[in-house]
């Protein structure tokens, strides 16, 4: 069938299962969400998108605090080295020189 151009649309009437792992919705032939213009054929290639849900920041557990410190130090060193190269005017992105 003919495939319509992809568009964003608000899905109404969707229900979320009690375990919050399944969304149930209905798509009507040639209605919102049906990207196939052929009568009697429904094609609904879309993904549900939801914004952040919750009440603020959530802590991320760190099993190895030393690894977080080492990562911070390495990133700091790389940033310092790049700034030093930029100050000298000798910075050349890879693949261009």
N, C-alpha and C. Protein backbone atom coordinates (compact mmCIF):
# COMPACT_ATOMS: atom_id res chain seq x y z
N UNK A 1 0.80 -1.18 0.00
CA UNK A 1 0.00 0.00 0.00
C UNK A 1 0.85 1.25 0.00
N UNK A 2 0.18 2.36 -0.06
CA UNK A 2 0.84 3.66 -0.04
C UNK A 2 1.22 3.98 1.40
N UNK A 3 2.46 4.38 1.58
CA UNK A 3 2.93 4.73 2.91
C UNK A 3 2.89 6.24 3.07
N UNK A 4 2.15 6.71 4.07
CA UNK A 4 2.04 8.15 4.33
C UNK A 4 3.32 8.64 4.99
N UNK A 5 3.56 9.95 4.89
CA UNK A 5 4.72 10.55 5.53
C UNK A 5 4.61 10.40 7.04
N UNK A 6 5.73 10.16 7.69
CA UNK A 6 5.74 10.03 9.15
C UNK A 6 5.44 11.37 9.79
N UNK A 7 4.58 11.35 10.79
CA UNK A 7 4.25 12.56 11.53
C UNK A 7 4.15 12.23 13.01
N UNK A 8 4.30 13.25 13.84
CA UNK A 8 4.11 13.10 15.27
C UNK A 8 2.63 13.29 15.55
N UNK A 9 2.08 12.52 16.45
CA UNK A 9 0.69 12.70 16.83
C UNK A 9 0.52 12.26 18.27
N UNK A 10 -0.52 12.81 18.90
CA UNK A 10 -0.82 12.44 20.28
C UNK A 10 -1.73 11.23 20.26
N UNK A 11 -1.33 10.21 20.95
CA UNK A 11 -2.10 8.97 21.02
C UNK A 11 -3.09 9.08 22.16
N UNK A 12 -4.37 9.03 21.85
CA UNK A 12 -5.39 9.13 22.90
C UNK A 12 -5.98 7.76 23.15
N UNK A 13 -6.43 7.54 24.35
CA UNK A 13 -7.08 6.28 24.69
C UNK A 13 -6.13 5.14 25.00
N UNK A 14 -4.85 5.40 25.17
CA UNK A 14 -3.90 4.34 25.50
C UNK A 14 -4.02 4.01 26.98
N UNK A 15 -3.84 2.74 27.32
CA UNK A 15 -3.88 2.31 28.72
C UNK A 15 -2.58 1.62 29.08
N UNK A 16 -2.16 1.81 30.30
CA UNK A 16 -0.92 1.23 30.80
C UNK A 16 -1.26 0.11 31.76
N UNK A 17 -0.60 -1.04 31.60
CA UNK A 17 -0.87 -2.19 32.46
C UNK A 17 -0.44 -1.90 33.89
N UNK A 18 -0.99 -2.63 34.87
CA UNK A 18 -0.62 -2.41 36.27
C UNK A 18 0.89 -2.57 36.53
N UNK A 19 1.56 -3.46 35.80
CA UNK A 19 3.01 -3.62 36.02
C UNK A 19 3.83 -2.60 35.24
N UNK A 20 3.15 -1.69 34.50
CA UNK A 20 3.76 -0.58 33.77
C UNK A 20 4.74 -1.04 32.69
N UNK A 21 4.51 -2.24 32.14
CA UNK A 21 5.39 -2.77 31.10
C UNK A 21 4.70 -2.89 29.75
N UNK A 22 3.36 -2.73 29.71
CA UNK A 22 2.62 -2.90 28.47
C UNK A 22 1.66 -1.73 28.26
N UNK A 23 1.67 -1.20 27.05
CA UNK A 23 0.73 -0.15 26.66
C UNK A 23 -0.22 -0.74 25.63
N UNK A 24 -1.52 -0.53 25.83
CA UNK A 24 -2.53 -1.01 24.90
C UNK A 24 -3.19 0.19 24.25
N UNK A 25 -3.32 0.15 22.93
CA UNK A 25 -3.94 1.25 22.19
C UNK A 25 -4.66 0.68 20.98
N UNK A 26 -5.51 1.51 20.37
CA UNK A 26 -6.27 1.11 19.20
C UNK A 26 -5.93 2.06 18.05
N UNK A 27 -5.68 1.50 16.89
CA UNK A 27 -5.41 2.28 15.68
C UNK A 27 -6.55 1.99 14.70
N UNK A 28 -7.18 3.05 14.20
CA UNK A 28 -8.29 2.92 13.24
C UNK A 28 -7.73 3.03 11.82
N UNK A 29 -8.30 2.25 10.91
CA UNK A 29 -7.87 2.28 9.51
C UNK A 29 -7.93 3.71 8.98
N UNK A 30 -6.80 4.19 8.44
CA UNK A 30 -6.62 5.53 7.88
C UNK A 30 -6.79 6.64 8.92
N UNK A 31 -6.67 6.31 10.19
CA UNK A 31 -6.73 7.30 11.26
C UNK A 31 -5.32 7.63 11.76
N UNK A 32 -5.23 8.42 12.82
CA UNK A 32 -3.92 8.75 13.38
C UNK A 32 -3.17 7.48 13.76
N UNK A 33 -1.93 7.37 13.35
CA UNK A 33 -1.11 6.20 13.66
C UNK A 33 -1.07 5.18 12.55
N UNK A 34 -1.99 5.25 11.58
CA UNK A 34 -1.98 4.32 10.45
C UNK A 34 -1.19 4.98 9.32
N UNK A 35 0.00 4.45 9.05
CA UNK A 35 0.84 5.07 8.02
C UNK A 35 0.61 4.46 6.63
N UNK A 36 -0.34 3.53 6.53
CA UNK A 36 -0.66 2.92 5.24
C UNK A 36 -2.01 3.45 4.77
N UNK A 37 -2.04 4.16 3.64
CA UNK A 37 -3.26 4.77 3.15
C UNK A 37 -4.22 3.81 2.47
N UNK A 38 -3.87 2.55 2.36
CA UNK A 38 -4.73 1.58 1.70
C UNK A 38 -5.90 1.21 2.62
N UNK A 39 -7.12 1.26 2.08
CA UNK A 39 -8.30 0.89 2.86
C UNK A 39 -8.22 -0.59 3.21
N UNK A 40 -8.44 -0.90 4.48
CA UNK A 40 -8.41 -2.29 4.94
C UNK A 40 -7.04 -2.76 5.38
N UNK A 41 -6.05 -1.89 5.33
CA UNK A 41 -4.68 -2.26 5.74
C UNK A 41 -4.19 -1.24 6.77
N UNK A 42 -3.70 -1.74 7.89
CA UNK A 42 -3.18 -0.85 8.93
C UNK A 42 -1.71 -1.14 9.14
N UNK A 43 -0.93 -0.09 9.11
CA UNK A 43 0.50 -0.19 9.40
C UNK A 43 0.79 0.88 10.44
N UNK A 44 1.32 0.49 11.59
CA UNK A 44 1.55 1.47 12.66
C UNK A 44 2.98 1.41 13.19
N UNK A 45 3.94 1.78 12.35
CA UNK A 45 5.34 1.72 12.81
C UNK A 45 5.69 2.95 13.64
N UNK A 46 5.35 2.93 14.90
CA UNK A 46 5.73 4.05 15.75
C UNK A 46 6.12 3.53 17.13
N UNK A 47 6.82 4.37 17.85
CA UNK A 47 7.25 4.03 19.20
C UNK A 47 6.68 5.05 20.16
N UNK A 48 6.26 4.60 21.30
CA UNK A 48 5.75 5.50 22.31
C UNK A 48 6.91 6.24 22.96
N UNK A 49 6.71 7.53 23.19
CA UNK A 49 7.75 8.34 23.81
C UNK A 49 7.14 8.99 25.03
N UNK A 50 7.82 8.91 26.14
CA UNK A 50 7.36 9.55 27.37
C UNK A 50 8.50 10.35 27.95
N UNK A 51 8.17 11.48 28.50
CA UNK A 51 9.18 12.31 29.15
C UNK A 51 9.55 11.74 30.50
N UNK A 52 10.43 12.43 31.20
CA UNK A 52 10.85 11.94 32.51
C UNK A 52 9.66 11.88 33.48
N UNK A 53 9.58 10.80 34.21
CA UNK A 53 8.52 10.62 35.19
C UNK A 53 9.19 10.45 36.54
N UNK A 54 8.72 11.14 37.50
CA UNK A 54 9.29 10.99 38.83
C UNK A 54 9.38 12.33 39.54
N UNK A 55 10.00 12.28 40.67
CA UNK A 55 10.03 13.47 41.50
C UNK A 55 11.41 14.06 41.67
N UNK A 56 12.23 14.07 40.67
CA UNK A 56 13.52 14.73 40.80
C UNK A 56 14.69 13.81 40.54
N UNK A 57 15.84 14.22 41.06
CA UNK A 57 17.08 13.49 40.82
C UNK A 57 17.08 12.14 41.54
N UNK A 58 17.71 11.19 40.91
CA UNK A 58 17.84 9.85 41.48
C UNK A 58 19.31 9.52 41.58
N UNK A 59 19.73 8.99 42.70
CA UNK A 59 21.13 8.63 42.90
C UNK A 59 21.52 7.45 42.02
N UNK A 60 22.74 7.49 41.50
CA UNK A 60 23.28 6.39 40.70
C UNK A 60 24.30 5.67 41.57
N UNK A 61 24.08 4.39 41.85
CA UNK A 61 25.02 3.69 42.73
C UNK A 61 26.38 3.49 42.06
N UNK A 62 27.42 3.66 42.82
CA UNK A 62 28.78 3.47 42.33
C UNK A 62 29.42 2.38 43.18
N UNK A 63 29.74 1.26 42.55
CA UNK A 63 30.34 0.15 43.29
C UNK A 63 31.83 0.36 43.54
N UNK A 64 32.46 1.16 42.69
CA UNK A 64 33.90 1.38 42.84
C UNK A 64 34.17 2.89 42.80
N UNK A 65 34.12 3.56 43.96
CA UNK A 65 34.35 5.01 43.98
C UNK A 65 35.70 5.40 43.39
N UNK A 66 36.69 4.54 43.51
CA UNK A 66 38.01 4.85 42.95
C UNK A 66 37.94 4.96 41.43
N UNK A 67 37.06 4.15 40.80
CA UNK A 67 36.93 4.20 39.34
C UNK A 67 36.29 5.52 38.92
N UNK A 68 35.32 6.01 39.70
CA UNK A 68 34.71 7.29 39.41
C UNK A 68 35.74 8.42 39.54
N UNK A 69 36.58 8.34 40.58
CA UNK A 69 37.65 9.32 40.75
C UNK A 69 38.65 9.28 39.61
N UNK A 70 39.03 8.07 39.18
CA UNK A 70 39.98 7.92 38.08
C UNK A 70 39.39 8.48 36.79
N UNK A 71 38.13 8.18 36.52
CA UNK A 71 37.46 8.70 35.33
C UNK A 71 37.43 10.23 35.35
N UNK A 72 37.12 10.80 36.49
CA UNK A 72 37.11 12.26 36.62
C UNK A 72 38.49 12.84 36.36
N UNK A 73 39.53 12.20 36.89
CA UNK A 73 40.90 12.68 36.69
C UNK A 73 41.30 12.60 35.21
N UNK A 74 40.97 11.51 34.54
CA UNK A 74 41.32 11.34 33.13
C UNK A 74 40.59 12.38 32.28
N UNK A 75 39.31 12.59 32.54
CA UNK A 75 38.56 13.60 31.79
C UNK A 75 39.12 15.00 32.05
N UNK A 76 39.49 15.27 33.28
CA UNK A 76 40.10 16.56 33.59
C UNK A 76 41.41 16.75 32.86
N UNK A 77 42.24 15.72 32.82
CA UNK A 77 43.52 15.79 32.12
C UNK A 77 43.32 16.02 30.62
N UNK A 78 42.37 15.29 30.02
CA UNK A 78 42.12 15.46 28.58
C UNK A 78 41.61 16.87 28.28
N UNK A 79 40.74 17.41 29.14
CA UNK A 79 40.26 18.77 28.95
C UNK A 79 41.39 19.78 29.07
N UNK A 80 42.25 19.59 30.06
CA UNK A 80 43.40 20.49 30.25
C UNK A 80 44.33 20.44 29.04
N UNK A 81 44.59 19.22 28.53
CA UNK A 81 45.48 19.06 27.38
C UNK A 81 44.90 19.74 26.14
N UNK A 82 43.61 19.61 25.94
CA UNK A 82 42.98 20.25 24.77
C UNK A 82 43.03 21.77 24.90
N UNK A 83 42.75 22.29 26.07
CA UNK A 83 42.82 23.74 26.27
C UNK A 83 44.23 24.25 26.02
N UNK A 84 45.22 23.49 26.45
CA UNK A 84 46.62 23.87 26.24
C UNK A 84 46.94 23.89 24.75
N UNK A 85 46.45 22.88 24.02
CA UNK A 85 46.68 22.82 22.57
C UNK A 85 45.99 23.98 21.86
N UNK A 86 44.77 24.31 22.28
CA UNK A 86 44.06 25.43 21.67
C UNK A 86 44.77 26.75 21.93
N UNK A 87 45.33 26.91 23.13
CA UNK A 87 46.04 28.14 23.47
C UNK A 87 47.30 28.30 22.62
N UNK A 88 47.93 27.19 22.29
CA UNK A 88 49.14 27.24 21.46
C UNK A 88 48.81 27.38 19.98
N UNK A 89 47.55 27.11 19.61
CA UNK A 89 47.16 27.16 18.21
C UNK A 89 47.58 25.93 17.44
N UNK A 90 47.90 24.86 18.16
CA UNK A 90 48.37 23.65 17.49
C UNK A 90 47.31 22.55 17.46
N UNK A 91 46.09 22.87 17.82
CA UNK A 91 45.06 21.84 17.84
C UNK A 91 44.60 21.52 16.44
N UNK A 92 44.62 20.23 16.09
CA UNK A 92 44.17 19.77 14.77
C UNK A 92 43.32 18.53 15.00
N UNK A 93 42.00 18.60 14.69
CA UNK A 93 41.14 17.42 14.88
C UNK A 93 41.67 16.24 14.06
N UNK A 94 41.47 15.04 14.59
CA UNK A 94 41.94 13.83 13.88
C UNK A 94 41.27 13.73 12.52
N UNK A 95 42.02 13.28 11.54
CA UNK A 95 41.50 13.08 10.20
C UNK A 95 41.66 14.30 9.31
N UNK A 96 42.10 15.44 9.88
CA UNK A 96 42.25 16.64 9.07
C UNK A 96 43.70 17.02 8.86
N UNK A 97 44.61 16.31 9.49
CA UNK A 97 45.99 16.73 9.37
C UNK A 97 46.94 15.70 8.97
